[in-house]
Amino acid sequence: MNQITQFFSNLKADFDKLNQSVDDLVKTYNAIVHFLDLISNLFPIDLVLVLILSLPLLYVINTLSPSTPRVNYTISVLFVSGLRSFLSHAVIESWEIFAVLKTAAILLLPAYFLVLAKFIFSLFQKYRIRKKALSPKNLESSFISLQKAYHDLSAEIYSELGKVGEKNFADGERFTVKIQELERSISGFKTLIQTSTPPSSVSETERE
């Protein structure tokens, strides 16, 4: 009798353990599904797949050319994006060009964000310098802009002279930008003088 009771007790304990294992498995499955659902809400699933598939290819390319990681990443993303477009056309007969380009742009934007930010900042700096040269606030500002433009042009000319020696200029077009900056500074200086010059006194002829 004790053996039968022990048997059922062990059977019940095993059943409880199995039930607990099933509950843990269900909880784990629900957690994974919830996590994937959260990821899909934050990031499109095609974006995640392209990124995951690009990483092994990126690793291979980096081993061949470790000095160009940004270019390697771009090649990996574009290759996988192109492969995705090809497979999409093979399955549903649609290249999905817009979706593919959108995903590739989102993945490549972080890699080129700093370069893009520097480029935009350089454009803003050039615009600010040109505006300051054409519309100086005072004589000192105009003189500084004029002096800087002249020195930059002189440095460019001396650099070219050091390369060509006694020969003629090898590439005179390289001075165009510096000359334009000098011209803007001169134009701004003239504008400042014309706007700040007081009205001329009556000439002796007018007095007579």
C-alpha atoms as a PDB file:
ATOM      1  CA  MET A   1       0.000   0.000   0.000  1.00  0.00           C
ATOM      2  CA  ASN A   2       2.834   2.355   0.858  1.00  0.00           C
ATOM      3  CA  GLN A   3       4.474   1.579  -2.467  1.00  0.00           C
ATOM      4  CA  ILE A   4       1.298   2.470  -4.373  1.00  0.00           C
ATOM      5  CA  THR A   5       0.945   5.695  -2.400  1.00  0.00           C
ATOM      6  CA  GLN A   6       4.599   6.554  -3.047  1.00  0.00           C
ATOM      7  CA  PHE A   7       4.124   5.810  -6.747  1.00  0.00           C
ATOM      8  CA  PHE A   8       1.218   8.203  -7.062  1.00  0.00           C
ATOM      9  CA  SER A   9       3.058  10.808  -5.002  1.00  0.00           C
ATOM     10  CA  ASN A  10       6.057  10.608  -7.328  1.00  0.00           C
ATOM     11  CA  LEU A  11       3.753  10.676 -10.331  1.00  0.00           C
ATOM     12  CA  LYS A  12       2.034  13.788  -9.002  1.00  0.00           C
ATOM     13  CA  ALA A  13       5.400  15.451  -8.313  1.00  0.00           C
ATOM     14  CA  ASP A  14       6.598  14.650 -11.837  1.00  0.00           C
ATOM     15  CA  PHE A  15       3.344  15.989 -13.254  1.00  0.00           C
ATOM     16  CA  ASP A  16       3.723  19.199 -11.231  1.00  0.00           C
ATOM     17  CA  LYS A  17       7.289  19.619 -12.500  1.00  0.00           C
ATOM     18  CA  LEU A  18       6.134  19.021 -16.077  1.00  0.00           C
ATOM     19  CA  ASN A  19       3.311  21.481 -15.628  1.00  0.00           C
ATOM     20  CA  GLN A  20       5.751  24.056 -14.207  1.00  0.00           C
ATOM     21  CA  SER A  21       8.117  23.481 -17.133  1.00  0.00           C
ATOM     22  CA  VAL A  22       5.272  23.982 -19.598  1.00  0.00           C
ATOM     23  CA  ASP A  23       4.256  27.181 -17.800  1.00  0.00           C
ATOM     24  CA  ASP A  24       7.845  28.451 -17.930  1.00  0.00           C
ATOM     25  CA  LEU A  25       8.050  27.586 -21.607  1.00  0.00           C
ATOM     26  CA  VAL A  26       4.804  29.428 -22.332  1.00  0.00           C
ATOM     27  CA  LYS A  27       6.013  32.463 -20.364  1.00  0.00           C
ATOM     28  CA  THR A  28       9.294  32.444 -22.275  1.00  0.00           C
ATOM     29  CA  TYR A  29       7.452  32.161 -25.579  1.00  0.00           C
ATOM     30  CA  ASN A  30       5.125  35.018 -24.648  1.00  0.00           C
ATOM     31  CA  ALA A  31       8.125  37.146 -23.595  1.00  0.00           C
ATOM     32  CA  ILE A  32       9.859  36.476 -26.933  1.00  0.00           C
ATOM     33  CA  VAL A  33       6.706  37.284 -28.885  1.00  0.00           C
ATOM     34  CA  HIS A  34       6.235  40.469 -26.858  1.00  0.00           C
ATOM     35  CA  PHE A  35       9.842  41.473 -27.461  1.00  0.00           C
ATOM     36  CA  LEU A  36       9.582  40.830 -31.199  1.00  0.00           C
ATOM     37  CA  ASP A  37       6.313  42.732 -31.303  1.00  0.00           C
ATOM     38  CA  LEU A  38       7.971  45.652 -29.514  1.00  0.00           C
ATOM     39  CA  ILE A  39      10.912  45.577 -31.920  1.00  0.00           C
ATOM     40  CA  SER A  40       8.578  45.451 -34.912  1.00  0.00           C
ATOM     41  CA  ASN A  41       6.723  48.491 -33.569  1.00  0.00           C
ATOM     42  CA  LEU A  42       9.923  50.447 -33.033  1.00  0.00           C
ATOM     43  CA  PHE A  43      11.728  49.213 -36.132  1.00  0.00           C
ATOM     44  CA  PRO A  44      10.213  47.673 -39.283  1.00  0.00           C
ATOM     45  CA  ILE A  45      10.942  43.989 -39.569  1.00  0.00           C
ATOM     46  CA  ASP A  46      12.498  44.413 -43.019  1.00  0.00           C
ATOM     47  CA  LEU A  47      14.954  46.936 -41.563  1.00  0.00           C
ATOM     48  CA  VAL A  48      16.002  44.494 -38.850  1.00  0.00           C
ATOM     49  CA  LEU A  49      16.397  41.670 -41.367  1.00  0.00           C
ATOM     50  CA  VAL A  50      18.509  43.768 -43.750  1.00  0.00           C
ATOM     51  CA  LEU A  51      20.709  44.870 -40.861  1.00  0.00           C
ATOM     52  CA  ILE A  52      21.160  41.306 -39.549  1.00  0.00           C
ATOM     53  CA  LEU A  53      21.976  39.956 -43.018  1.00  0.00           C
ATOM     54  CA  SER A  54      24.398  42.811 -43.677  1.00  0.00           C
ATOM     55  CA  LEU A  55      26.531  42.104 -40.608  1.00  0.00           C
ATOM     56  CA  PRO A  56      28.126  38.809 -41.829  1.00  0.00           C
ATOM     57  CA  LEU A  57      28.894  40.383 -45.207  1.00  0.00           C
ATOM     58  CA  LEU A  58      30.312  43.445 -43.473  1.00  0.00           C
ATOM     59  CA  TYR A  59      32.580  41.214 -41.386  1.00  0.00           C
ATOM     60  CA  VAL A  60      33.919  39.506 -44.509  1.00  0.00           C
ATOM     61  CA  ILE A  61      34.547  42.793 -46.334  1.00  0.00           C
ATOM     62  CA  ASN A  62      36.203  44.318 -43.265  1.00  0.00           C
ATOM     63  CA  THR A  63      38.675  41.445 -43.152  1.00  0.00           C
ATOM     64  CA  LEU A  64      39.638  42.244 -46.755  1.00  0.00           C
ATOM     65  CA  SER A  65      39.678  46.037 -46.407  1.00  0.00           C
ATOM     66  CA  PRO A  66      39.715  47.143 -42.750  1.00  0.00           C
ATOM     67  CA  SER A  67      40.722  50.729 -43.563  1.00  0.00           C
ATOM     68  CA  THR A  68      37.345  51.674 -45.098  1.00  0.00           C
ATOM     69  CA  PRO A  69      34.644  50.618 -42.597  1.00  0.00           C
ATOM     70  CA  ARG A  70      32.072  53.199 -43.740  1.00  0.00           C
ATOM     71  CA  VAL A  71      32.405  52.203 -47.390  1.00  0.00           C
ATOM     72  CA  ASN A  72      32.289  48.533 -46.424  1.00  0.00           C
ATOM     73  CA  TYR A  73      29.099  49.081 -44.448  1.00  0.00           C
ATOM     74  CA  THR A  74      27.561  50.931 -47.387  1.00  0.00           C
ATOM     75  CA  ILE A  75      28.433  48.109 -49.780  1.00  0.00           C
ATOM     76  CA  SER A  76      26.954  45.515 -47.407  1.00  0.00           C
ATOM     77  CA  VAL A  77      23.682  47.371 -46.926  1.00  0.00           C
ATOM     78  CA  LEU A  78      23.280  48.140 -50.637  1.00  0.00           C
ATOM     79  CA  PHE A  79      24.080  44.548 -51.620  1.00  0.00           C
ATOM     80  CA  VAL A  80      21.558  43.064 -49.183  1.00  0.00           C
ATOM     81  CA  SER A  81      18.986  45.697 -50.159  1.00  0.00           C
ATOM     82  CA  GLY A  82      19.460  44.835 -53.819  1.00  0.00           C
ATOM     83  CA  LEU A  83      19.137  41.125 -53.005  1.00  0.00           C
ATOM     84  CA  ARG A  84      15.956  41.826 -51.075  1.00  0.00           C
ATOM     85  CA  SER A  85      14.516  43.744 -54.031  1.00  0.00           C
ATOM     86  CA  PHE A  86      15.401  40.879 -56.387  1.00  0.00           C
ATOM     87  CA  LEU A  87      13.769  38.294 -54.112  1.00  0.00           C
ATOM     88  CA  SER A  88      10.700  40.485 -53.736  1.00  0.00           C
ATOM     89  CA  HIS A  89      10.370  40.651 -57.502  1.00  0.00           C
ATOM     90  CA  ALA A  90      10.805  36.901 -57.784  1.00  0.00           C
ATOM     91  CA  VAL A  91       8.112  36.179 -55.177  1.00  0.00           C
ATOM     92  CA  ILE A  92       5.482  38.889 -55.621  1.00  0.00           C
ATOM     93  CA  GLU A  93       6.643  40.337 -58.966  1.00  0.00           C
ATOM     94  CA  SER A  94       7.344  43.750 -57.451  1.00  0.00           C
ATOM     95  CA  TRP A  95      10.747  45.359 -56.982  1.00  0.00           C
ATOM     96  CA  GLU A  96       9.598  47.362 -53.927  1.00  0.00           C
ATOM     97  CA  ILE A  97      12.023  50.118 -54.907  1.00  0.00           C
ATOM     98  CA  PHE A  98      10.651  52.757 -52.528  1.00  0.00           C
ATOM     99  CA  ALA A  99      10.609  50.424 -49.506  1.00  0.00           C
ATOM    100  CA  VAL A 100      14.112  49.136 -50.283  1.00  0.00           C
ATOM    101  CA  LEU A 101      15.563  52.632 -50.697  1.00  0.00           C
ATOM    102  CA  LYS A 102      13.821  53.817 -47.534  1.00  0.00           C
ATOM    103  CA  THR A 103      15.271  50.948 -45.493  1.00  0.00           C
ATOM    104  CA  ALA A 104      18.758  51.462 -46.948  1.00  0.00           C
ATOM    105  CA  ALA A 105      18.594  55.205 -46.254  1.00  0.00           C
ATOM    106  CA  ILE A 106      17.585  54.630 -42.612  1.00  0.00           C
ATOM    107  CA  LEU A 107      20.447  52.182 -42.118  1.00  0.00           C
ATOM    108  CA  LEU A 108      23.032  54.380 -43.853  1.00  0.00           C
ATOM    109  CA  LEU A 109      21.991  57.656 -42.249  1.00  0.00           C
ATOM    110  CA  PRO A 110      23.783  57.031 -38.905  1.00  0.00           C
ATOM    111  CA  ALA A 111      27.014  56.174 -40.740  1.00  0.00           C
ATOM    112  CA  TYR A 112      26.955  59.400 -42.737  1.00  0.00           C
ATOM    113  CA  PHE A 113      25.312  61.661 -40.164  1.00  0.00           C
ATOM    114  CA  LEU A 114      28.606  63.144 -38.969  1.00  0.00           C
ATOM    115  CA  VAL A 115      29.859  63.680 -42.524  1.00  0.00           C
ATOM    116  CA  LEU A 116      26.534  65.256 -43.498  1.00  0.00           C
ATOM    117  CA  ALA A 117      26.567  67.469 -40.412  1.00  0.00           C
ATOM    118  CA  LYS A 118      30.113  68.651 -41.199  1.00  0.00           C
ATOM    119  CA  PHE A 119      29.130  69.357 -44.803  1.00  0.00           C
ATOM    120  CA  ILE A 120      26.087  71.399 -43.751  1.00  0.00           C
ATOM    121  CA  PHE A 121      28.155  73.262 -41.168  1.00  0.00           C
ATOM    122  CA  SER A 122      30.814  74.082 -43.771  1.00  0.00           C
ATOM    123  CA  LEU A 123      28.145  75.446 -46.110  1.00  0.00           C
ATOM    124  CA  PHE A 124      26.754  77.554 -43.288  1.00  0.00           C
ATOM    125  CA  GLN A 125      30.246  78.842 -42.476  1.00  0.00           C
ATOM    126  CA  LYS A 126      30.873  79.783 -46.106  1.00  0.00           C
ATOM    127  CA  TYR A 127      27.524  81.568 -46.277  1.00  0.00           C
ATOM    128  CA  ARG A 128      28.229  83.436 -43.042  1.00  0.00           C
ATOM    129  CA  ILE A 129      31.712  84.473 -44.212  1.00  0.00           C
ATOM    130  CA  ARG A 130      30.397  85.673 -47.578  1.00  0.00           C
ATOM    131  CA  LYS A 131      27.574  87.609 -45.950  1.00  0.00           C
ATOM    132  CA  LYS A 132      29.993  89.135 -43.468  1.00  0.00           C
ATOM    133  CA  ALA A 133      32.361  90.110 -46.289  1.00  0.00           C
ATOM    134  CA  LEU A 134      29.612  91.699 -48.404  1.00  0.00           C
ATOM    135  CA  SER A 135      27.885  93.438 -45.478  1.00  0.00           C
ATOM    136  CA  PRO A 136      30.501  94.263 -42.815  1.00  0.00           C
ATOM    137  CA  LYS A 137      29.257  95.782 -39.565  1.00  0.00           C
ATOM    138  CA  ASN A 138      32.055  98.295 -39.206  1.00  0.00           C
ATOM    139  CA  LEU A 139      35.403  99.349 -40.611  1.00  0.00           C
ATOM    140  CA  GLU A 140      37.359  96.924 -38.414  1.00  0.00           C
ATOM    141  CA  SER A 141      35.279  93.946 -39.515  1.00  0.00           C
ATOM    142  CA  SER A 142      35.625  94.942 -43.153  1.00  0.00           C
ATOM    143  CA  PHE A 143      39.384  95.396 -42.820  1.00  0.00           C
ATOM    144  CA  ILE A 144      39.805  91.983 -41.147  1.00  0.00           C
ATOM    145  CA  SER A 145      37.782  90.301 -43.916  1.00  0.00           C
ATOM    146  CA  LEU A 146      39.781  92.119 -46.592  1.00  0.00           C
ATOM    147  CA  GLN A 147      43.101  91.264 -44.963  1.00  0.00           C
ATOM    148  CA  LYS A 148      42.189  87.596 -44.556  1.00  0.00           C
ATOM    149  CA  ALA A 149      41.055  87.266 -48.184  1.00  0.00           C
ATOM    150  CA  TYR A 150      44.284  88.885 -49.386  1.00  0.00           C
ATOM    151  CA  HIS A 151      46.494  86.650 -47.224  1.00  0.00           C
ATOM    152  CA  ASP A 152      44.607  83.512 -48.304  1.00  0.00           C
ATOM    153  CA  LEU A 153      45.093  84.414 -51.965  1.00  0.00           C
ATOM    154  CA  SER A 154      48.764  85.237 -51.373  1.00  0.00           C
ATOM    155  CA  ALA A 155      49.329  81.914 -49.592  1.00  0.00           C
ATOM    156  CA  GLU A 156      47.685  80.049 -52.480  1.00  0.00           C
ATOM    157  CA  ILE A 157      49.862  81.848 -55.043  1.00  0.00           C
ATOM    158  CA  TYR A 158      53.083  81.256 -53.072  1.00  0.00           C
ATOM    159  CA  SER A 159      52.160  77.588 -52.720  1.00  0.00           C
ATOM    160  CA  GLU A 160      51.706  77.284 -56.480  1.00  0.00           C
ATOM    161  CA  LEU A 161      54.950  79.163 -57.154  1.00  0.00           C
ATOM    162  CA  GLY A 162      56.799  76.715 -54.952  1.00  0.00           C
ATOM    163  CA  LYS A 163      55.536  73.853 -57.078  1.00  0.00           C
ATOM    164  CA  VAL A 164      56.069  75.246 -60.586  1.00  0.00           C
ATOM    165  CA  GLY A 165      59.237  77.249 -59.930  1.00  0.00           C
ATOM    166  CA  GLU A 166      59.947  79.726 -62.707  1.00  0.00           C
ATOM    167  CA  LYS A 167      57.299  78.245 -65.010  1.00  0.00           C
ATOM    168  CA  ASN A 168      53.886  79.680 -65.648  1.00  0.00           C
ATOM    169  CA  PHE A 169      51.014  78.784 -63.334  1.00  0.00           C
ATOM    170  CA  ALA A 170      50.105  75.131 -63.702  1.00  0.00           C
ATOM    171  CA  ASP A 171      46.482  75.633 -62.723  1.00  0.00           C
ATOM    172  CA  GLY A 172      45.266  79.210 -62.504  1.00  0.00           C
ATOM    173  CA  GLU A 173      41.661  78.114 -61.885  1.00  0.00           C
ATOM    174  CA  ARG A 174      42.529  77.081 -58.354  1.00  0.00           C
ATOM    175  CA  PHE A 175      42.803  80.789 -57.485  1.00  0.00           C
ATOM    176  CA  THR A 176      39.253  81.552 -58.621  1.00  0.00           C
ATOM    177  CA  VAL A 177      37.650  80.948 -55.248  1.00  0.00           C
ATOM    178  CA  LYS A 178      40.237  83.041 -53.393  1.00  0.00           C
ATOM    179  CA  ILE A 179      39.907  85.861 -55.927  1.00  0.00           C
ATOM    180  CA  GLN A 180      36.127  85.816 -55.545  1.00  0.00           C
ATOM    181  CA  GLU A 181      36.512  86.051 -51.771  1.00  0.00           C
ATOM    182  CA  LEU A 182      38.840  89.033 -52.196  1.00  0.00           C
ATOM    183  CA  GLU A 183      36.396  90.672 -54.609  1.00  0.00           C
ATOM    184  CA  ARG A 184      33.549  90.216 -52.109  1.00  0.00           C
ATOM    185  CA  SER A 185      35.661  91.761 -49.350  1.00  0.00           C
ATOM    186  CA  ILE A 186      36.521  94.730 -51.584  1.00  0.00           C
ATOM    187  CA  SER A 187      32.865  95.115 -52.564  1.00  0.00           C
ATOM    188  CA  GLY A 188      31.822  95.048 -48.909  1.00  0.00           C
ATOM    189  CA  PHE A 189      34.515  97.596 -48.058  1.00  0.00           C
ATOM    190  CA  LYS A 190      33.269  99.907 -50.834  1.00  0.00           C
ATOM    191  CA  THR A 191      29.667  99.509 -49.660  1.00  0.00           C
ATOM    192  CA  LEU A 192      30.656 100.341 -46.092  1.00  0.00           C
ATOM    193  CA  ILE A 193      32.529 103.469 -47.202  1.00  0.00           C
ATOM    194  CA  GLN A 194      29.669 104.652 -49.399  1.00  0.00           C
ATOM    195  CA  THR A 195      27.047 104.185 -46.684  1.00  0.00           C
ATOM    196  CA  SER A 196      29.139 105.705 -43.908  1.00  0.00           C
ATOM    197  CA  THR A 197      30.551 108.717 -45.801  1.00  0.00           C
ATOM    198  CA  PRO A 198      28.828 111.922 -44.652  1.00  0.00           C
ATOM    199  CA  PRO A 199      27.283 114.196 -47.263  1.00  0.00           C
ATOM    200  CA  SER A 200      29.921 116.279 -49.010  1.00  0.00           C
ATOM    201  CA  SER A 201      30.111 119.912 -48.149  1.00  0.00           C
ATOM    202  CA  VAL A 202      28.958 122.496 -50.590  1.00  0.00           C
ATOM    203  CA  SER A 203      31.635 123.194 -53.158  1.00  0.00           C
ATOM    204  CA  GLU A 204      33.080 126.625 -53.626  1.00  0.00           C
ATOM    205  CA  THR A 205      31.503 126.818 -57.054  1.00  0.00           C
ATOM    206  CA  GLU A 206      28.013 126.269 -55.607  1.00  0.00           C
ATOM    207  CA  ARG A 207      28.704 128.962 -53.003  1.00  0.00           C
ATOM    208  CA  GLU A 208      29.535 131.446 -55.689  1.00  0.00           C
END
